């Protein structure tokens, strides 16, 4: 009696579902690396500030706040 011959199984890299499973995490890793490169090359340098410069910048706000709460 003749038995049907089953086809040879495909190697793992020829199965489409394997690539669909691998593509998700691979795309996330690639996107995180691209983001890290953008952050590394596009980072701004911090501005040099002193306590006196910060206090001087806040003077109008402090004056306005104090003016509102002073009694007439």
Protein backbone atom coordinates (compact mmCIF):
# COMPACT_ATOMS: atom_id res chain seq x y z
CA UNK A 1 0.00 0.00 0.00
CA UNK A 2 1.25 3.42 -0.87
CA UNK A 3 1.51 5.90 1.99
CA UNK A 4 1.43 9.60 1.23
CA UNK A 5 4.80 11.25 1.46
CA UNK A 6 4.81 14.25 3.75
CA UNK A 7 6.74 17.26 2.52
CA UNK A 8 9.97 18.09 4.25
CA UNK A 9 9.55 20.61 7.04
CA UNK A 10 10.76 24.12 6.24
CA UNK A 11 13.75 25.55 8.06
CA UNK A 12 12.81 28.13 10.71
CA UNK A 13 13.97 31.12 8.67
CA UNK A 14 11.57 30.22 5.85
CA UNK A 15 8.47 30.34 8.08
CA UNK A 16 6.65 33.68 7.80
CA UNK A 17 5.23 33.61 11.34
CA UNK A 18 8.73 33.51 12.83
CA UNK A 19 9.60 36.80 11.15
CA UNK A 20 6.36 38.38 12.32
CA UNK A 21 7.20 37.39 15.91
CA UNK A 22 10.79 38.66 15.62
CA UNK A 23 9.83 41.93 13.87
CA UNK A 24 7.90 43.39 16.83
CA UNK A 25 10.66 43.35 19.47
CA UNK A 26 13.30 44.13 16.84
CA UNK A 27 11.47 47.28 15.77
CA UNK A 28 11.16 48.42 19.39
CA UNK A 29 14.89 47.92 19.98
CA UNK A 30 15.72 49.79 16.78
CA UNK A 31 13.41 52.68 17.70
CA UNK A 32 14.98 52.97 21.16
CA UNK A 33 18.48 53.06 19.65
CA UNK A 34 17.44 55.77 17.19
CA UNK A 35 15.90 57.77 20.05
CA UNK A 36 19.08 57.39 22.11
CA UNK A 37 21.17 58.70 19.20
CA UNK A 38 18.84 61.71 18.83
CA UNK A 39 19.09 62.46 22.53
CA UNK A 40 22.85 62.03 22.62
CA UNK A 41 23.56 64.31 19.64
CA UNK A 42 20.81 66.85 20.23
CA UNK A 43 21.27 67.52 23.93
CA UNK A 44 21.41 71.18 24.91
CA UNK A 45 24.16 72.44 27.15
CA UNK A 46 22.95 73.76 30.49
CA UNK A 47 23.13 77.51 30.91
CA UNK A 48 25.43 78.79 33.60
CA UNK A 49 23.27 80.37 36.28
CA UNK A 50 24.01 81.83 39.65
CA UNK A 51 21.77 82.46 42.64
CA UNK A 52 21.96 86.22 42.06
CA UNK A 53 20.80 85.89 38.45
CA UNK A 54 17.86 83.72 39.51
CA UNK A 55 16.86 86.14 42.26
CA UNK A 56 17.05 89.07 39.84
CA UNK A 57 14.86 87.24 37.34
CA UNK A 58 12.23 86.64 40.02
CA UNK A 59 12.11 90.30 41.19
CA UNK A 60 9.05 91.38 39.12
CA UNK A 61 7.05 88.36 40.25
CA UNK A 62 8.02 88.89 43.87
CA UNK A 63 7.13 92.57 43.68
CA UNK A 64 3.73 91.82 42.15
CA UNK A 65 2.99 89.13 44.72
CA UNK A 66 3.89 91.44 47.59
CA UNK A 67 1.84 94.27 46.10
CA UNK A 68 -1.28 92.10 45.99
CA UNK A 69 -1.10 91.03 49.64
CA UNK A 70 -0.25 94.42 51.19
CA UNK A 71 -3.15 96.11 52.94
CA UNK A 72 -4.30 99.52 51.73
